[in-house]
Protein backbone atom coordinates (compact mmCIF):
# COMPACT_ATOMS: atom_id res chain seq x y z
CA MET A 1 -31.76 229.95 51.04
CA GLN A 2 -29.56 233.01 51.42
CA ALA A 3 -26.00 232.79 50.16
CA ILE A 4 -23.06 235.01 49.30
CA VAL A 5 -21.87 234.77 45.70
CA ARG A 6 -19.50 236.62 43.42
CA ARG A 7 -20.03 236.47 39.66
CA GLU A 8 -16.80 238.23 38.78
CA TYR A 9 -13.40 238.72 40.36
CA GLY A 10 -12.70 241.87 42.33
CA SER A 11 -12.71 243.56 45.71
CA ALA A 12 -15.37 243.02 48.38
CA GLN A 13 -17.84 245.06 46.31
CA VAL A 14 -18.37 242.05 43.99
CA LEU A 15 -20.03 240.09 46.81
CA GLU A 16 -23.80 239.65 46.56
CA LEU A 17 -26.24 238.37 49.15
CA THR A 18 -28.76 236.46 47.09
CA ASP A 19 -31.35 233.69 47.11
CA ALA A 20 -30.01 230.34 45.92
CA ASP A 21 -31.26 226.78 45.64
CA ARG A 22 -30.61 224.58 48.64
CA PRO A 23 -27.95 221.96 47.81
CA VAL A 24 -28.83 218.28 47.53
CA PRO A 25 -26.19 216.11 49.27
CA GLU A 26 -24.32 213.59 47.15
CA ASP A 27 -23.99 209.97 48.26
CA ASP A 28 -20.94 210.64 50.47
CA GLN A 29 -22.03 214.07 51.67
CA VAL A 30 -24.02 215.59 54.48
CA LEU A 31 -26.21 218.66 54.08
CA VAL A 32 -25.32 221.10 56.87
CA ARG A 33 -27.49 223.94 58.11
CA VAL A 34 -24.67 226.42 58.59
CA ARG A 35 -24.81 228.40 61.79
CA ALA A 36 -21.43 230.13 61.47
CA SER A 37 -18.47 230.41 59.14
CA SER A 38 -15.24 232.40 59.23
CA VAL A 39 -13.07 234.39 56.84
CA ASN A 40 -9.71 233.09 55.64
CA PRO A 41 -7.13 234.54 53.25
CA TYR A 42 -8.19 231.62 51.04
CA ASP A 43 -11.59 233.30 50.65
CA TRP A 44 -9.97 236.61 49.73
CA HIS A 45 -7.88 234.92 47.03
CA ALA A 46 -10.99 233.20 45.67
CA MET A 47 -12.91 236.48 45.64
CA THR A 48 -10.22 238.52 43.90
CA GLY A 49 -8.83 235.81 41.63
CA LEU A 50 -5.35 236.75 42.82
CA PRO A 51 -2.72 235.68 42.17
CA GLN A 52 -3.88 235.37 38.59
CA PHE A 53 -2.33 231.94 37.97
CA MET A 54 -5.14 230.56 40.17
CA ARG A 55 -7.61 231.41 37.42
CA LEU A 56 -6.29 228.51 35.37
CA MET A 57 -8.20 226.33 37.86
CA THR A 58 -11.01 228.63 38.99
CA GLY A 59 -11.96 230.33 35.70
CA LEU A 60 -9.98 232.67 33.48
CA ARG A 61 -12.42 235.55 32.96
CA ARG A 62 -14.93 234.88 35.70
CA PRO A 63 -15.32 232.31 38.47
CA LYS A 64 -16.55 228.87 37.43
CA VAL A 65 -18.28 228.58 40.82
CA ALA A 66 -20.03 231.62 42.28
CA ALA A 67 -20.19 230.37 45.88
CA LEU A 68 -17.62 231.28 48.54
CA GLY A 69 -16.66 230.20 52.05
CA ALA A 70 -14.68 227.27 53.45
CA ASP A 71 -15.08 227.04 57.24
CA LEU A 72 -18.36 225.89 58.71
CA ALA A 73 -20.06 224.96 61.94
CA GLY A 74 -23.66 223.88 61.98
CA VAL A 75 -26.21 221.08 62.22
CA VAL A 76 -26.58 218.09 59.90
CA GLU A 77 -29.87 218.36 58.03
CA GLU A 78 -29.63 215.36 55.68
CA VAL A 79 -27.13 212.57 54.98
CA GLY A 80 -26.27 210.83 51.73
CA PRO A 81 -26.94 207.10 51.44
CA ALA A 82 -23.22 206.24 51.80
CA VAL A 83 -22.87 208.12 55.11
CA HIS A 84 -23.35 205.94 58.17
CA ASP A 85 -21.52 207.72 61.01
CA LEU A 86 -23.44 211.00 60.99
CA ARG A 87 -27.16 211.63 61.28
CA PRO A 88 -29.58 214.56 61.11
CA GLY A 89 -29.33 216.71 64.21
CA ASP A 90 -25.59 216.16 64.76
CA GLU A 91 -23.62 219.34 65.43
CA VAL A 92 -20.50 219.41 63.25
CA PHE A 93 -17.64 221.61 62.12
CA GLY A 94 -15.30 221.33 59.17
CA GLU A 95 -14.10 222.70 55.85
CA VAL A 96 -15.40 222.68 52.27
CA GLU A 97 -13.91 224.05 49.05
CA GLU A 98 -16.65 226.63 48.66
CA GLY A 99 -20.22 227.42 49.66
CA ALA A 100 -20.02 227.88 53.45
CA PHE A 101 -21.12 231.53 53.27
CA ALA A 102 -24.70 230.30 52.95
CA GLU A 103 -27.54 228.91 55.02
CA TYR A 104 -26.91 225.38 53.74
CA VAL A 105 -23.90 223.62 52.24
CA GLY A 106 -23.11 220.10 51.11
CA ALA A 107 -19.94 218.75 52.72
CA ALA A 108 -18.08 215.47 52.25
CA ALA A 109 -18.58 213.44 55.40
CA ASP A 110 -14.84 212.87 55.79
CA VAL A 111 -14.05 216.59 56.15
CA VAL A 112 -16.46 217.32 59.00
CA ALA A 113 -16.38 216.11 62.60
CA PRO A 114 -18.50 216.45 65.72
CA LYS A 115 -18.39 220.01 67.03
CA PRO A 116 -16.27 220.33 70.17
CA ALA A 117 -18.43 220.13 73.28
CA GLY A 118 -18.73 223.41 75.10
CA LEU A 119 -17.87 225.56 72.08
CA THR A 120 -20.38 227.82 70.42
CA PHE A 121 -20.95 227.52 66.70
CA GLU A 122 -19.08 230.80 66.30
CA GLN A 123 -16.04 229.48 68.15
CA ALA A 124 -16.07 226.19 66.26
CA ALA A 125 -16.30 227.96 62.91
CA ALA A 126 -13.03 229.77 63.64
CA VAL A 127 -11.10 226.51 63.82
CA PRO A 128 -11.08 224.31 60.70
CA MET A 129 -8.82 225.82 58.04
CA ALA A 130 -6.58 227.83 60.36
CA GLY A 131 -6.30 225.12 63.00
CA VAL A 132 -5.60 222.29 60.56
CA THR A 133 -3.04 224.43 58.71
CA ALA A 134 -1.16 225.22 61.93
CA LEU A 135 -1.31 221.58 63.07
CA GLN A 136 -0.03 220.12 59.81
CA ALA A 137 2.71 222.76 59.51
CA LEU A 138 4.15 222.07 62.95
CA ARG A 139 3.50 218.35 63.37
CA ASP A 140 3.96 217.04 59.84
CA HIS A 141 6.40 219.46 58.23
CA GLY A 142 8.25 220.96 61.20
CA ARG A 143 8.17 217.70 63.18
CA VAL A 144 8.13 219.76 66.34
CA ARG A 145 9.20 217.88 69.45
CA PRO A 146 9.55 218.78 73.14
CA GLY A 147 12.46 221.15 73.64
CA HIS A 148 12.41 222.58 70.15
CA ALA A 149 12.63 226.33 69.70
CA VAL A 150 9.86 227.46 67.35
CA LEU A 151 9.30 230.93 65.89
CA VAL A 152 5.93 231.92 64.43
CA ASN A 153 6.06 234.97 62.16
CA GLY A 154 2.51 236.33 62.08
CA ALA A 155 1.60 235.02 65.51
CA SER A 156 -1.51 237.14 66.03
CA GLY A 157 -3.35 236.11 62.84
CA GLY A 158 -5.79 233.30 62.18
CA VAL A 159 -3.23 230.54 61.67
CA GLY A 160 -0.67 232.17 63.94
CA THR A 161 -2.84 232.16 67.06
CA PHE A 162 -3.39 228.43 66.65
CA ALA A 163 0.28 227.82 65.80
CA VAL A 164 1.52 229.44 69.01
CA GLN A 165 -0.81 227.28 71.11
CA LEU A 166 -0.14 224.06 69.21
CA ALA A 167 3.63 224.53 69.29
CA ARG A 168 3.40 224.98 73.04
CA HIS A 169 1.20 221.85 73.27
CA LEU A 170 3.87 219.91 71.34
CA GLY A 171 6.41 220.91 73.99
CA ALA A 172 8.24 223.68 72.13
CA GLU A 173 9.61 226.95 73.45
CA VAL A 174 7.67 229.43 71.34
CA THR A 175 8.62 232.87 70.07
CA GLY A 176 5.89 234.90 68.38
CA VAL A 177 6.39 237.82 66.01
CA CYS A 178 3.64 240.43 65.87
CA SER A 179 2.91 244.17 66.09
CA THR A 180 2.95 246.22 69.28
CA ARG A 181 -0.79 246.04 69.91
CA ASN A 182 -0.76 242.23 69.80
CA VAL A 183 2.21 241.50 72.05
CA GLU A 184 0.14 240.75 75.15
CA LEU A 185 -2.30 238.61 73.18
CA VAL A 186 0.49 236.44 71.77
CA ARG A 187 2.12 236.14 75.18
CA SER A 188 -1.23 235.06 76.69
CA LEU A 189 -1.44 232.24 74.12
CA GLY A 190 1.75 230.70 75.44
CA ALA A 191 4.65 232.39 73.67
CA ALA A 192 7.68 232.50 75.97
CA GLU A 193 9.13 235.36 73.92
CA VAL A 194 7.41 237.94 71.73
CA VAL A 195 9.17 240.04 69.10
CA ASP A 196 7.52 243.34 68.18
CA TYR A 197 8.41 243.64 64.50
CA THR A 198 7.87 247.41 64.57
CA ARG A 199 10.86 247.68 66.90
CA ASP A 200 13.02 244.60 66.30
CA ASP A 201 14.03 242.42 63.36
CA PHE A 202 13.83 238.77 64.39
CA THR A 203 16.25 237.79 61.61
CA ARG A 204 19.04 239.77 63.30
CA GLY A 205 18.62 238.35 66.80
CA GLY A 206 20.83 236.00 68.74
CA PRO A 207 18.49 233.01 69.27
CA ARG A 208 18.45 230.11 66.81
CA TYR A 209 15.24 228.26 66.03
CA ASP A 210 14.65 224.63 65.15
CA VAL A 211 11.50 225.57 63.24
CA ILE A 212 10.33 228.84 61.71
CA LEU A 213 6.72 228.99 60.55
CA ASP A 214 6.51 232.04 58.31
CA LEU A 215 2.92 233.19 57.76
CA ILE A 216 3.83 236.67 56.49
CA GLY A 217 6.76 236.48 54.07
CA ASN A 218 8.04 239.95 54.96
CA ARG A 219 11.63 238.71 55.34
CA SER A 220 13.57 236.86 52.67
CA THR A 221 14.33 233.18 53.01
CA ARG A 222 18.02 234.04 53.25
CA GLU A 223 17.34 236.40 56.16
CA CYS A 224 15.26 233.79 57.97
CA ARG A 225 17.97 231.17 57.53
CA ARG A 226 20.33 233.37 59.55
CA VAL A 227 18.40 232.44 62.70
CA LEU A 228 17.72 228.78 61.89
CA ALA A 229 19.58 226.19 63.93
CA PRO A 230 21.72 223.68 62.04
CA LYS A 231 19.33 221.27 60.28
CA GLY A 232 16.46 223.62 61.17
CA VAL A 233 13.20 223.77 59.18
CA TYR A 234 11.76 226.86 57.50
CA ILE A 235 8.07 226.50 56.55
CA ALA A 236 6.61 229.12 54.20
CA SER A 237 2.82 229.56 54.27
CA PHE A 238 1.92 232.97 52.89
CA GLY A 239 0.22 234.52 49.87
CA GLN A 240 2.15 237.68 48.94
CA PRO A 241 -0.91 239.33 47.30
CA GLU A 242 1.23 242.20 46.04
CA HIS A 243 2.57 239.81 43.38
CA ARG A 244 -0.57 239.83 41.24
CA VAL A 245 0.35 237.22 38.64
CA LEU A 246 2.33 234.49 40.41
CA GLY A 247 1.91 235.42 44.07
CA PRO A 248 4.53 233.59 46.15
CA LEU A 249 5.34 231.00 43.46
CA GLY A 250 8.60 232.60 42.39
CA ARG A 251 9.97 232.75 45.91
CA LEU A 252 8.70 229.31 46.83
CA ALA A 253 10.14 227.71 43.70
CA GLY A 254 13.53 229.27 44.33
CA MET A 255 13.43 228.12 47.93
CA LEU A 256 12.64 224.52 46.97
CA VAL A 257 15.45 224.48 44.40
CA VAL A 258 17.97 225.67 47.00
CA SER A 259 16.80 223.43 49.84
CA PRO A 260 18.73 220.23 48.85
CA PHE A 261 22.01 222.14 48.78
CA VAL A 262 21.90 223.86 52.17
CA GLY A 263 21.94 222.57 55.73
CA HIS A 264 18.33 223.59 56.34
CA THR A 265 15.02 222.17 55.17
CA LEU A 266 13.09 224.84 53.25
CA THR A 267 9.55 223.79 52.52
CA THR A 268 5.97 224.82 51.87
CA PHE A 269 2.67 222.96 51.77
CA VAL A 270 -1.08 223.19 51.25
CA SER A 271 -3.14 221.93 54.16
CA LYS A 272 -5.42 218.92 53.60
CA PRO A 273 -8.83 218.92 55.29
CA ASN A 274 -9.57 215.65 57.08
CA ARG A 275 -11.63 214.35 59.95
CA PRO A 276 -8.82 212.89 62.13
CA ASP A 277 -7.14 216.29 62.48
CA LEU A 278 -10.47 217.94 63.29
CA VAL A 279 -11.09 215.28 65.95
CA LEU A 280 -7.65 215.90 67.43
CA LEU A 281 -8.26 219.65 67.50
CA ALA A 282 -11.69 219.11 69.04
CA ASP A 283 -10.10 217.17 71.89
CA LEU A 284 -7.59 219.96 72.54
CA LEU A 285 -10.37 222.54 72.43
CA GLU A 286 -12.53 220.57 74.85
CA ARG A 287 -9.59 220.35 77.27
CA ASP A 288 -8.91 224.10 76.93
CA GLU A 289 -5.40 223.44 75.65
CA VAL A 290 -6.27 225.43 72.53
CA THR A 291 -8.67 228.36 72.35
CA PRO A 292 -9.92 230.06 69.18
CA VAL A 293 -9.22 233.79 69.09
CA ILE A 294 -12.07 235.78 67.54
CA ASP A 295 -11.46 239.33 66.39
CA ARG A 296 -15.09 240.11 65.66
CA THR A 297 -18.36 238.52 64.63
CA VAL A 298 -20.43 239.85 61.71
CA ALA A 299 -23.70 238.97 60.01
CA LEU A 300 -23.72 237.33 56.59
CA GLY A 301 -24.86 240.56 54.99
CA ASP A 302 -21.77 242.34 56.34
CA LEU A 303 -19.29 239.90 54.79
CA ALA A 304 -17.86 242.57 52.46
CA ASP A 305 -16.68 244.63 55.44
CA ALA A 306 -15.23 241.51 57.08
CA MET A 307 -13.32 240.59 53.90
CA ALA A 308 -11.86 244.09 53.69
CA HIS A 309 -10.81 243.94 57.35
CA VAL A 310 -9.02 240.62 56.88
CA ALA A 311 -7.39 241.77 53.62
CA ALA A 312 -5.98 244.83 55.40
CA GLY A 313 -4.14 242.54 57.81
CA HIS A 314 -5.76 243.98 60.92
CA ALA A 315 -7.58 240.93 62.26
CA ARG A 316 -6.46 239.43 65.58
CA GLY A 317 -7.28 235.76 65.16
CA LYS A 318 -10.40 235.06 63.11
CA VAL A 319 -13.36 237.06 61.84
CA VAL A 320 -16.50 234.94 62.23
CA VAL A 321 -19.70 235.17 60.17
CA THR A 322 -23.02 234.23 61.77
CA ILE A 323 -25.66 232.76 59.48
């Protein structure tokens, strides 16, 4: 099978399209014939090995695992003997740790779900990591309820486009922060207010927000707290790739230390792939309450260009890879 690998850390030039052995599913896995995947910042971090502290887990000098790619949508080819609720021929979508930038990947059965009816494989592949991240941020950590005022900083990106729609679904009044060219897109997703960060600083405005989901990290926590309502929640979910060694760890650690001593909840999290959240998202997608935003679609052999585009911060929504 064809697969994208990287045998060393670096920019998109380290990516290779190569022939690889087809995986054999473990007892609790399904083998998926991947029809589409999508690019996440997670994949960029895995490719570059940045921030460098990640290499303690992924390999100090070179990657322990050459494969890349998390999001997938495709067709079940085989099932492990412990899998009883999926069968060959089922169309699924979900998230793996690595290996989705390939024709076949083994995936734990509990992190894939039936593909939403009416969605193409390309649309479904745009959902898993970004959609689950947005859902868990708002529902589990922000505890967004009807009537809440929610601000999404980075509203036109992969997670941000889902966050705007999900916050609206949860009954919130949504403000999105984005660049000039994305204002109309963010408004079309359901944001009641849109702040163009090239013209205005949302941390100096009059409104107060019950929840701020910060996907960019271009304003300090102190600045963001200025516009949090009493007992408001600030959720940090960004990478800060300019900090090559520790990434956002310094800022996040300081934020967590301060949180118990201020009137706001300051928190961060790592999303957890799971089938129930995928099923919930599938229902919203089937009812057109949430729509994946796709910036562009590329072939597997053009993944290097797609990675560079996402790393530059220019993508509106998701970049999808057809396989």
